[in-house]
Protein backbone atom coordinates (compact mmCIF):
# COMPACT_ATOMS: atom_id res chain seq x y z
CA MET A 1 208.08 371.03 31.50
CA LYS A 2 205.01 372.72 32.02
CA LYS A 3 203.29 369.10 32.05
CA VAL A 4 205.26 367.62 34.77
CA PHE A 5 205.32 371.11 37.02
CA MET A 6 201.39 371.05 37.06
CA LEU A 7 201.28 367.50 37.47
CA GLY A 8 203.40 367.86 40.19
CA VAL A 9 201.53 370.86 41.86
CA LEU A 10 198.57 369.04 41.67
CA SER A 11 199.68 365.93 43.32
CA ILE A 12 201.14 368.00 46.50
CA ALA A 13 197.43 369.57 46.44
CA ILE A 14 195.78 366.24 46.56
CA LEU A 15 198.30 364.62 49.15
CA LEU A 16 197.76 368.17 51.23
CA ARG A 17 193.45 367.53 50.50
CA PRO A 18 191.62 368.19 53.87
CA THR A 19 190.84 364.72 55.15
CA PHE A 20 189.84 363.53 58.54
CA VAL A 21 192.00 361.51 60.52
CA ALA A 22 191.62 357.99 62.16
CA ALA A 23 194.13 357.60 64.76
CA ASP A 24 195.82 354.59 66.68
CA SER A 25 197.01 357.07 69.07
CA LEU A 26 195.82 360.15 70.54
CA THR A 27 199.19 362.20 72.69
CA PHE A 28 197.04 364.92 74.45
CA THR A 29 198.95 368.16 74.34
CA GLY A 30 196.52 370.88 75.28
CA LEU A 31 192.77 372.24 75.32
CA GLY A 32 192.07 374.46 72.30
CA SER A 33 188.95 377.55 72.93
CA GLY A 34 186.30 375.84 75.23
CA SER A 35 185.77 376.43 78.87
CA TRP A 36 185.12 373.86 82.08
CA VAL A 37 181.66 373.57 82.82
CA THR A 38 180.26 371.68 86.25
CA LEU A 39 177.65 369.17 84.87
CA ASN A 40 175.33 367.01 87.13
CA LEU A 41 174.81 363.31 85.44
CA GLY A 42 172.57 361.43 88.00
CA SER A 43 173.97 361.63 91.71
CA VAL A 44 177.31 362.52 90.38
CA THR A 45 178.59 366.05 89.68
CA GLU A 46 181.89 366.64 87.89
CA THR A 47 183.50 369.56 86.57
CA GLY A 48 184.24 368.50 83.00
CA TRP A 49 186.15 370.64 79.90
CA ALA A 50 183.12 371.11 76.83
CA GLY A 51 185.13 372.67 73.74
CA GLU A 52 188.37 371.33 71.96
CA ILE A 53 190.81 369.26 72.18
CA LYS A 54 193.82 368.75 71.37
CA TRP A 55 196.12 366.13 70.16
CA LEU A 56 198.88 364.86 68.33
CA TYR A 57 198.17 361.40 66.39
CA GLN A 58 200.27 358.57 64.79
CA THR A 59 199.30 355.49 63.11
CA PRO A 60 202.11 353.09 62.12
CA SER A 61 202.30 354.19 58.50
CA ASP A 62 202.25 357.98 59.51
CA THR A 63 204.52 359.61 60.74
CA PRO A 64 204.21 360.78 64.51
CA GLY A 65 202.93 364.36 65.35
CA THR A 66 200.60 365.84 63.17
CA ALA A 67 197.77 368.12 64.84
CA ILE A 68 194.19 367.41 64.89
CA THR A 69 191.11 368.70 66.97
CA THR A 70 188.64 367.39 68.45
CA TYR A 71 185.50 367.23 69.79
CA CYS A 72 183.79 364.78 72.96
CA ALA A 73 181.10 362.84 71.62
CA ASP A 74 180.80 361.06 75.53
CA LEU A 75 179.57 362.82 78.71
CA PHE A 76 182.80 361.62 79.99
CA ASP A 77 185.97 363.91 80.08
CA ASP A 78 189.59 362.49 80.51
CA ALA A 79 190.41 365.15 78.16
CA LYS A 80 194.02 365.24 80.03
CA LEU A 81 195.25 361.82 80.29
CA PRO A 82 198.76 362.01 78.66
CA THR A 83 198.16 358.76 75.40
CA GLN A 84 194.67 357.15 74.65
CA THR A 85 194.68 354.48 72.54
CA VAL A 86 191.36 354.29 70.46
CA ASN A 87 189.97 351.79 67.98
CA THR A 88 187.79 353.38 65.65
CA THR A 89 184.73 352.89 63.75
CA THR A 90 182.12 355.63 61.72
CA THR A 91 179.40 357.91 62.10
CA THR A 92 177.10 355.01 60.38
CA ALA A 93 178.65 351.93 62.93
CA LEU A 94 177.36 354.17 65.68
CA ASP A 95 173.92 354.77 64.59
CA ALA A 96 173.50 351.41 63.00
CA SER A 97 174.25 350.09 66.74
CA ILE A 98 171.96 351.94 68.62
CA THR A 99 169.03 350.80 65.92
CA GLY A 100 169.75 347.67 66.50
CA GLY A 101 170.30 347.86 70.32
CA THR A 102 173.93 347.45 71.00
CA SER A 103 174.99 351.31 72.15
CA LEU A 104 178.32 351.70 71.40
CA SER A 105 178.22 355.30 73.43
CA LEU A 106 176.42 354.24 76.56
CA ASN A 107 172.97 355.94 77.02
CA ALA A 108 173.35 357.79 73.42
CA LEU A 109 170.11 358.23 71.31
CA PRO A 110 169.08 356.75 67.88
CA ASN A 111 171.24 358.82 64.85
CA ALA A 112 173.50 360.01 67.70
CA GLY A 113 176.66 360.39 65.28
CA ALA A 114 174.70 361.64 62.91
CA LYS A 115 173.44 364.57 64.72
CA ALA A 116 176.86 365.47 66.39
CA ALA A 117 178.52 364.89 62.89
CA TYR A 118 176.74 367.60 61.37
CA LEU A 119 177.21 370.08 65.09
CA VAL A 120 180.74 369.60 64.27
CA ASN A 121 180.77 370.11 60.73
CA THR A 122 178.91 372.92 60.35
CA TYR A 123 179.78 374.70 63.22
CA THR A 124 183.45 373.98 64.54
CA THR A 125 185.07 377.03 62.46
CA SER A 126 182.99 379.60 63.91
CA ALA A 127 183.11 378.53 67.34
CA HIS A 128 186.64 377.99 66.94
CA ALA A 129 187.44 381.69 67.98
CA SER A 130 185.62 381.57 70.91
CA ASN A 131 185.80 380.08 74.21
CA GLU A 132 181.56 380.20 74.75
CA ALA A 133 180.77 379.17 71.26
CA ALA A 134 183.01 376.65 71.60
CA ALA A 135 181.83 375.31 74.87
CA GLY A 136 178.68 375.80 74.07
CA LEU A 137 178.67 373.44 70.60
CA GLN A 138 180.03 371.17 73.04
CA ILE A 139 177.51 370.85 75.41
CA ALA A 140 174.68 370.66 71.98
CA VAL A 141 176.67 367.70 70.86
CA TRP A 142 176.12 365.96 74.03
CA GLN A 143 172.43 367.67 74.16
CA ALA A 144 171.76 366.25 70.68
CA MET A 145 173.31 362.54 71.39
CA PHE A 146 171.78 361.97 75.06
CA GLY A 147 169.10 364.13 74.97
CA VAL A 148 168.31 367.99 76.56
CA SER A 149 166.89 365.97 79.98
CA SER A 150 169.68 363.51 80.23
CA PHE A 151 172.16 366.28 82.34
CA THR A 152 171.99 369.20 83.47
CA TYR A 153 174.99 371.83 83.42
CA THR A 154 176.44 375.24 84.93
CA ALA A 155 178.31 377.01 83.18
CA ALA A 156 179.00 381.00 82.21
CA ALA A 157 175.81 382.47 80.05
CA GLY A 158 177.47 383.45 77.19
CA VAL A 159 177.99 379.24 77.02
CA THR A 160 174.27 378.66 77.17
CA SER A 161 173.75 381.04 74.63
CA ALA A 162 175.99 379.45 72.87
CA ALA A 163 174.39 375.71 73.36
CA ASN A 164 170.93 377.22 73.05
CA GLY A 165 171.06 378.49 69.78
CA TYR A 166 172.97 375.40 67.89
CA TYR A 167 170.64 372.67 69.65
CA THR A 168 167.68 375.28 68.54
CA ASN A 169 169.23 374.92 65.20
CA LEU A 170 170.05 371.16 64.62
CA MET A 171 166.44 370.65 65.65
CA ASN A 172 164.84 373.29 62.95
CA THR A 173 167.09 371.43 60.30
CA LEU A 174 166.05 368.13 61.66
CA ALA A 175 162.40 369.24 60.66
CA SER A 176 163.13 371.46 58.10
CA SER A 177 165.36 369.04 56.17
CA PRO A 178 165.61 365.37 57.81
CA SER A 179 168.99 363.97 55.73
CA THR A 180 170.72 366.67 56.06
CA VAL A 181 171.37 365.74 59.50
CA LEU A 182 171.00 362.71 59.05
CA SER A 183 173.55 362.15 56.52
CA SER A 184 176.01 363.46 58.12
CA THR A 185 179.03 362.00 59.45
CA ALA A 186 182.37 362.87 61.40
CA THR A 187 184.31 359.66 59.61
CA TYR A 188 185.42 358.48 63.23
CA PHE A 189 184.24 358.24 66.27
CA ASP A 190 187.05 356.38 69.38
CA VAL A 191 184.60 354.12 70.96
CA ALA A 192 187.59 351.58 72.99
CA ASN A 193 186.08 352.26 76.17
CA ASP A 194 182.63 352.38 75.97
CA SER A 195 181.35 349.42 77.08
CA THR A 196 182.66 350.43 81.08
CA HIS A 197 181.61 353.58 81.13
CA ALA A 198 178.87 354.29 84.65
CA PHE A 199 177.96 357.22 85.69
CA TRP A 200 180.39 356.44 88.69
CA ASN A 201 183.78 356.62 86.71
CA ALA A 202 185.07 357.95 83.04
CA ASN A 203 187.49 355.33 81.82
CA GLY A 204 186.84 356.58 77.74
CA GLN A 205 186.62 359.55 75.85
CA ASP A 206 185.01 359.45 72.66
CA GLN A 207 186.28 361.63 70.05
CA ILE A 208 184.99 363.26 67.14
CA VAL A 209 187.68 363.99 64.25
CA GLY A 210 186.47 367.91 63.69
CA SER A 211 187.28 370.05 60.67
CA PRO A 212 190.81 370.25 59.10
CA GLU A 213 193.72 372.47 60.60
CA PRO A 214 193.25 376.14 58.70
CA SER A 215 197.05 375.25 57.62
CA ILE A 216 196.10 372.36 55.61
CA LEU A 217 193.52 374.48 53.36
CA PHE A 218 196.13 376.94 52.98
CA LEU A 219 198.51 375.27 52.27
CA LEU A 220 196.33 373.55 49.53
CA ALA A 221 194.96 377.42 48.40
CA PHE A 222 198.65 378.07 48.38
CA ALA A 223 199.36 375.59 45.78
CA VAL A 224 196.17 376.17 43.93
CA ALA A 225 197.37 379.57 43.24
CA ALA A 226 201.10 378.88 42.27
CA ALA A 227 200.18 376.62 39.55
CA SER A 228 197.40 379.32 38.45
CA ALA A 229 200.11 382.29 39.27
CA TYR A 230 202.06 379.81 36.95
CA GLN A 231 200.24 378.64 34.49
CA TYR A 232 198.82 382.67 33.26
CA ARG A 233 202.45 383.51 33.20
CA LEU A 234 203.57 381.51 30.49
CA SER A 235 200.20 381.82 28.45
CA ARG A 236 201.72 385.72 28.74
CA ARG A 237 205.47 384.03 27.53
CA GLY A 238 203.90 382.49 24.86
CA GLU A 239 202.30 385.54 23.79
CA ALA A 240 205.16 387.95 23.81
CA VAL A 241 207.55 385.88 21.99
CA PRO A 242 208.01 387.26 18.05
CA VAL A 243 207.37 384.72 14.90
CA SER A 244 210.77 385.18 13.15
CA ALA A 245 210.50 385.86 9.66
CA VAL A 246 211.05 383.13 6.97
CA ARG A 247 213.43 384.14 4.79
């Protein structure tokens, strides 16, 4: 019975393990931590959302309605479109296409995906608690992917400070430990609409799937703690059982 219980708990923990998600469709549910910023791209000025975007995802094999949080991997922001059909590819595939001369994300620089993935993987958890930090992280992702001179922006001083800090940390890590950055992967990008991007339209919404929801991490920790507690209880119970004398 003990082995069956432990196997069941471990099976649940494996099923609940934090993973990145590829979605066939994303349904917008709201905006998370972040703020609105004014972007200047060439002759175009637009107001865009910088920060977390909340979605429900669904694939043919998934139960509808699982929540994910993303950051945008493009300078064009259609975050509030009700539903988007996505065609996902990996960070590695994105970088390979740029290196080969055919970018899946318009005007993206070499290793754009890896740099963005490093920022998302490293800072999303801490940025989640602050609107200014989340917005700054988004801006740093855009700067890493397209270059600091590819656009200008207007935002609160806290947002600018956060963006500068994240980008500086990225560049310092890239200089001191390039493999740390260049081996980073966000696993999935939505690149369904990149070929139609231009400075006068915003037909696509590229997404980097961010870190797992805190609730998933909590459930995983709870399952491990429950298994450990049950194991300890059984061991104590075994020690307390007296050995009967043989007559």
